[in-house]
C-alpha atoms as a PDB file:
ATOM      1  CA  MET A   1      77.320  15.261 -34.754  1.00  0.00           C
ATOM      2  CA  ALA A   2      76.671  18.355 -36.257  1.00  0.00           C
ATOM      3  CA  LEU A   3      73.047  18.723 -37.726  1.00  0.00           C
ATOM      4  CA  HIS A   4      72.170  21.160 -40.697  1.00  0.00           C
ATOM      5  CA  THR A   5      69.295  22.880 -40.167  1.00  0.00           C
ATOM      6  CA  ASP A   6      69.086  25.614 -42.537  1.00  0.00           C
ATOM      7  CA  SER A   7      68.654  21.495 -45.202  1.00  0.00           C
ATOM      8  CA  ILE A   8      66.059  20.455 -42.733  1.00  0.00           C
ATOM      9  CA  ARG A   9      63.991  24.022 -43.224  1.00  0.00           C
ATOM     10  CA  ASP A  10      64.377  24.131 -47.163  1.00  0.00           C
ATOM     11  CA  GLU A  11      62.957  20.764 -46.683  1.00  0.00           C
ATOM     12  CA  LEU A  12      59.995  22.069 -44.200  1.00  0.00           C
ATOM     13  CA  ALA A  13      59.074  24.891 -45.751  1.00  0.00           C
ATOM     14  CA  GLY A  14      57.417  23.848 -48.573  1.00  0.00           C
ATOM     15  CA  PRO A  15      55.026  21.845 -47.114  1.00  0.00           C
ATOM     16  CA  LEU A  16      54.553  24.102 -44.659  1.00  0.00           C
ATOM     17  CA  ALA A  17      53.572  26.792 -47.085  1.00  0.00           C
ATOM     18  CA  GLU A  18      50.570  25.132 -48.133  1.00  0.00           C
ATOM     19  CA  ALA A  19      49.306  25.753 -45.234  1.00  0.00           C
ATOM     20  CA  GLY A  20      50.202  29.078 -45.496  1.00  0.00           C
ATOM     21  CA  LEU A  21      52.987  29.258 -42.466  1.00  0.00           C
ATOM     22  CA  VAL A  22      56.516  30.349 -42.922  1.00  0.00           C
ATOM     23  CA  VAL A  23      59.776  28.251 -41.309  1.00  0.00           C
ATOM     24  CA  GLU A  24      61.052  31.134 -38.802  1.00  0.00           C
ATOM     25  CA  GLU A  25      63.478  28.938 -36.929  1.00  0.00           C
ATOM     26  CA  VAL A  26      64.913  25.159 -36.653  1.00  0.00           C
ATOM     27  CA  ARG A  27      67.179  25.198 -33.746  1.00  0.00           C
ATOM     28  CA  ALA A  28      68.928  21.920 -32.801  1.00  0.00           C
ATOM     29  CA  HIS A  29      70.619  21.519 -29.410  1.00  0.00           C
ATOM     30  CA  ALA A  30      72.272  18.408 -28.096  1.00  0.00           C
ATOM     31  CA  ALA A  31      73.354  17.459 -24.458  1.00  0.00           C
ATOM     32  CA  GLY A  32      74.306  13.887 -23.837  1.00  0.00           C
ATOM     33  CA  ARG A  33      72.022  11.870 -24.480  1.00  0.00           C
ATOM     34  CA  HIS A  34      69.557  14.346 -24.886  1.00  0.00           C
ATOM     35  CA  ARG A  35      68.679  15.697 -28.298  1.00  0.00           C
ATOM     36  CA  THR A  36      66.028  18.531 -29.272  1.00  0.00           C
ATOM     37  CA  LEU A  37      64.835  19.687 -32.649  1.00  0.00           C
ATOM     38  CA  THR A  38      63.093  22.830 -32.006  1.00  0.00           C
ATOM     39  CA  VAL A  39      61.031  24.066 -35.450  1.00  0.00           C
ATOM     40  CA  VAL A  40      59.271  28.024 -34.744  1.00  0.00           C
ATOM     41  CA  ILE A  41      56.285  28.665 -37.789  1.00  0.00           C
ATOM     42  CA  ASP A  42      54.643  31.734 -38.357  1.00  0.00           C
ATOM     43  CA  LEU A  43      51.060  32.686 -40.588  1.00  0.00           C
ATOM     44  CA  ASP A  44      52.273  34.107 -43.416  1.00  0.00           C
ATOM     45  CA  ALA A  45      52.488  38.255 -43.484  1.00  0.00           C
ATOM     46  CA  ASP A  46      48.750  38.247 -45.019  1.00  0.00           C
ATOM     47  CA  HIS A  47      47.726  37.153 -41.328  1.00  0.00           C
ATOM     48  CA  SER A  48      48.116  39.417 -37.856  1.00  0.00           C
ATOM     49  CA  ASP A  49      46.692  36.987 -35.799  1.00  0.00           C
ATOM     50  CA  PRO A  50      49.095  34.421 -33.308  1.00  0.00           C
ATOM     51  CA  VAL A  51      49.013  31.054 -34.559  1.00  0.00           C
ATOM     52  CA  PRO A  52      46.187  29.200 -33.013  1.00  0.00           C
ATOM     53  CA  PHE A  53      46.683  26.144 -31.611  1.00  0.00           C
ATOM     54  CA  ASP A  54      45.143  23.800 -33.799  1.00  0.00           C
ATOM     55  CA  THR A  55      47.661  25.511 -36.606  1.00  0.00           C
ATOM     56  CA  VAL A  56      50.209  24.042 -34.433  1.00  0.00           C
ATOM     57  CA  THR A  57      49.104  20.907 -34.115  1.00  0.00           C
ATOM     58  CA  GLU A  58      48.774  20.262 -37.365  1.00  0.00           C
ATOM     59  CA  ALA A  59      52.103  22.096 -38.447  1.00  0.00           C
ATOM     60  CA  THR A  60      53.935  19.434 -36.048  1.00  0.00           C
ATOM     61  CA  ARG A  61      52.031  16.725 -37.522  1.00  0.00           C
ATOM     62  CA  THR A  62      53.864  18.103 -40.844  1.00  0.00           C
ATOM     63  CA  VAL A  63      56.624  18.479 -39.787  1.00  0.00           C
ATOM     64  CA  SER A  64      57.297  15.076 -38.077  1.00  0.00           C
ATOM     65  CA  GLU A  65      56.622  12.814 -41.265  1.00  0.00           C
ATOM     66  CA  VAL A  66      58.547  15.632 -43.277  1.00  0.00           C
ATOM     67  CA  LEU A  67      61.578  14.407 -40.732  1.00  0.00           C
ATOM     68  CA  ASP A  68      60.433  10.571 -40.827  1.00  0.00           C
ATOM     69  CA  GLY A  69      61.668  10.641 -44.402  1.00  0.00           C
ATOM     70  CA  ILE A  70      65.085  11.988 -43.171  1.00  0.00           C
ATOM     71  CA  GLU A  71      68.416  11.232 -41.286  1.00  0.00           C
ATOM     72  CA  VAL A  72      67.695  13.957 -38.410  1.00  0.00           C
ATOM     73  CA  TRP A  73      69.876  12.085 -35.816  1.00  0.00           C
ATOM     74  CA  GLY A  74      70.814   9.014 -37.706  1.00  0.00           C
ATOM     75  CA  GLU A  75      69.523   6.014 -35.170  1.00  0.00           C
ATOM     76  CA  HIS A  76      69.688   8.222 -31.637  1.00  0.00           C
ATOM     77  CA  PRO A  77      66.347   9.793 -30.609  1.00  0.00           C
ATOM     78  CA  TYR A  78      65.077  13.404 -30.222  1.00  0.00           C
ATOM     79  CA  THR A  79      62.656  15.265 -28.958  1.00  0.00           C
ATOM     80  CA  LEU A  80      60.593  17.472 -31.810  1.00  0.00           C
ATOM     81  CA  GLU A  81      59.485  20.739 -30.486  1.00  0.00           C
ATOM     82  CA  VAL A  82      57.354  23.061 -32.828  1.00  0.00           C
ATOM     83  CA  THR A  83      56.156  26.496 -31.464  1.00  0.00           C
ATOM     84  CA  SER A  84      55.535  29.614 -33.082  1.00  0.00           C
ATOM     85  CA  PRO A  85      57.870  32.769 -32.062  1.00  0.00           C
ATOM     86  CA  GLY A  86      55.695  34.428 -28.929  1.00  0.00           C
ATOM     87  CA  ALA A  87      54.486  37.788 -27.989  1.00  0.00           C
ATOM     88  CA  GLU A  88      56.801  39.674 -27.557  1.00  0.00           C
ATOM     89  CA  ARG A  89      58.706  38.312 -30.418  1.00  0.00           C
ATOM     90  CA  PRO A  90      61.636  40.363 -32.434  1.00  0.00           C
ATOM     91  CA  LEU A  91      60.342  42.094 -36.015  1.00  0.00           C
ATOM     92  CA  THR A  92      63.968  41.134 -37.671  1.00  0.00           C
ATOM     93  CA  GLU A  93      62.490  41.325 -41.597  1.00  0.00           C
ATOM     94  CA  PRO A  94      59.901  43.630 -43.148  1.00  0.00           C
ATOM     95  CA  ARG A  95      57.092  40.105 -42.847  1.00  0.00           C
ATOM     96  CA  HIS A  96      57.423  40.754 -39.307  1.00  0.00           C
ATOM     97  CA  PHE A  97      56.218  44.298 -39.364  1.00  0.00           C
ATOM     98  CA  ARG A  98      53.557  43.598 -41.455  1.00  0.00           C
ATOM     99  CA  ARG A  99      52.336  41.592 -39.223  1.00  0.00           C
ATOM    100  CA  ALA A 100      52.254  43.152 -36.407  1.00  0.00           C
ATOM    101  CA  ARG A 101      50.721  46.225 -37.822  1.00  0.00           C
ATOM    102  CA  GLY A 102      48.627  47.255 -34.537  1.00  0.00           C
ATOM    103  CA  ARG A 103      50.096  46.442 -32.005  1.00  0.00           C
ATOM    104  CA  ARG A 104      52.694  48.815 -29.993  1.00  0.00           C
ATOM    105  CA  VAL A 105      56.437  48.347 -31.051  1.00  0.00           C
ATOM    106  CA  HIS A 106      59.486  49.082 -29.073  1.00  0.00           C
ATOM    107  CA  ALA A 107      62.359  50.166 -31.416  1.00  0.00           C
ATOM    108  CA  GLU A 108      66.235  50.828 -31.130  1.00  0.00           C
ATOM    109  CA  LEU A 109      67.493  53.110 -34.270  1.00  0.00           C
ATOM    110  CA  ARG A 110      70.622  52.953 -35.009  1.00  0.00           C
ATOM    111  CA  ALA A 111      73.236  56.351 -34.515  1.00  0.00           C
ATOM    112  CA  GLU A 112      72.970  58.084 -37.627  1.00  0.00           C
ATOM    113  CA  GLU A 113      73.952  61.656 -38.029  1.00  0.00           C
ATOM    114  CA  GLY A 114      71.724  63.924 -39.059  1.00  0.00           C
ATOM    115  CA  ALA A 115      68.852  61.534 -38.084  1.00  0.00           C
ATOM    116  CA  PRO A 116      66.177  62.244 -36.425  1.00  0.00           C
ATOM    117  CA  ASN A 117      65.809  60.896 -33.068  1.00  0.00           C
ATOM    118  CA  SER A 118      69.254  58.966 -34.358  1.00  0.00           C
ATOM    119  CA  GLY A 119      70.250  55.966 -31.810  1.00  0.00           C
ATOM    120  CA  GLU A 120      67.545  56.733 -29.293  1.00  0.00           C
ATOM    121  CA  THR A 121      64.716  54.039 -28.252  1.00  0.00           C
ATOM    122  CA  VAL A 122      61.032  54.670 -29.606  1.00  0.00           C
ATOM    123  CA  GLU A 123      57.971  52.953 -29.091  1.00  0.00           C
ATOM    124  CA  GLY A 124      54.322  53.968 -30.649  1.00  0.00           C
ATOM    125  CA  VAL A 125      51.414  51.779 -32.812  1.00  0.00           C
ATOM    126  CA  LEU A 126      52.648  50.377 -35.824  1.00  0.00           C
ATOM    127  CA  ALA A 127      51.199  52.439 -38.221  1.00  0.00           C
ATOM    128  CA  ASP A 128      52.380  50.865 -41.429  1.00  0.00           C
ATOM    129  CA  ALA A 129      54.901  48.748 -43.337  1.00  0.00           C
ATOM    130  CA  ASP A 130      55.367  48.275 -45.905  1.00  0.00           C
ATOM    131  CA  ALA A 131      59.336  47.069 -48.020  1.00  0.00           C
ATOM    132  CA  ALA A 132      60.596  50.665 -47.050  1.00  0.00           C
ATOM    133  CA  GLY A 133      60.309  50.937 -43.090  1.00  0.00           C
ATOM    134  CA  ILE A 134      57.640  51.554 -40.950  1.00  0.00           C
ATOM    135  CA  VAL A 135      55.206  54.305 -39.217  1.00  0.00           C
ATOM    136  CA  LEU A 136      55.000  54.603 -36.015  1.00  0.00           C
ATOM    137  CA  ASP A 137      52.686  56.416 -34.474  1.00  0.00           C
ATOM    138  CA  GLY A 138      54.123  59.478 -32.248  1.00  0.00           C
ATOM    139  CA  VAL A 139      57.005  59.306 -34.029  1.00  0.00           C
ATOM    140  CA  ARG A 140      58.878  61.268 -35.780  1.00  0.00           C
ATOM    141  CA  ASP A 141      55.606  62.830 -36.957  1.00  0.00           C
ATOM    142  CA  GLY A 142      54.422  59.939 -38.571  1.00  0.00           C
ATOM    143  CA  ASP A 143      57.368  60.241 -40.903  1.00  0.00           C
ATOM    144  CA  ARG A 144      58.972  56.228 -42.243  1.00  0.00           C
ATOM    145  CA  ILE A 145      61.349  54.979 -40.193  1.00  0.00           C
ATOM    146  CA  PRO A 146      63.555  52.917 -43.101  1.00  0.00           C
ATOM    147  CA  PHE A 147      64.032  49.815 -42.443  1.00  0.00           C
ATOM    148  CA  ALA A 148      67.893  50.183 -42.545  1.00  0.00           C
ATOM    149  CA  GLU A 149      67.476  52.470 -39.292  1.00  0.00           C
ATOM    150  CA  VAL A 150      66.137  50.049 -37.039  1.00  0.00           C
ATOM    151  CA  ALA A 151      69.212  48.731 -34.983  1.00  0.00           C
ATOM    152  CA  ALA A 152      66.373  45.969 -33.133  1.00  0.00           C
ATOM    153  CA  ALA A 153      62.532  45.853 -32.374  1.00  0.00           C
ATOM    154  CA  ARG A 154      59.626  43.745 -30.736  1.00  0.00           C
ATOM    155  CA  VAL A 155      56.260  43.725 -29.910  1.00  0.00           C
ATOM    156  CA  VAL A 156      55.335  45.085 -26.255  1.00  0.00           C
ATOM    157  CA  VAL A 157      52.506  43.528 -25.169  1.00  0.00           C
ATOM    158  CA  SER A 158      50.209  44.733 -22.600  1.00  0.00           C
ATOM    159  CA  LEU A 159      47.787  43.081 -20.507  1.00  0.00           C
ATOM    160  CA  ARG A 160      44.898  45.847 -20.299  1.00  0.00           C
END
């Protein structure tokens, strides 16, 4: 039985947005009789802190209530997991970068002829992020790197 995670995501988006949360991803996994539905949530772009545990707990209640009204896997039982993206999350959308301001970011740049640092891997503290791109301290003399040039990026966790 195929599960349509997009429709589940759509159902969850409104109630979680009321709590200042964004649905990052909905994943379904079935192996034999065991089924797991994972909902990845994050704070909206106005926050830079990690999702507090109490917020995840409250979001789990909200998700559970919404899913009670939806036929997820029919009559089959499943495990619900509600989680945050994690410390070294991939940065794939402009709002991810806005949330990561002030943190060290590792980015792989697309290979483009004539572009500085083209095809290279760069790392620096994310000084700014907006609709046009990102600024990493110590990279390109502080010039903005357009999102189109960023092939992949993630937050780097440093343990002090």
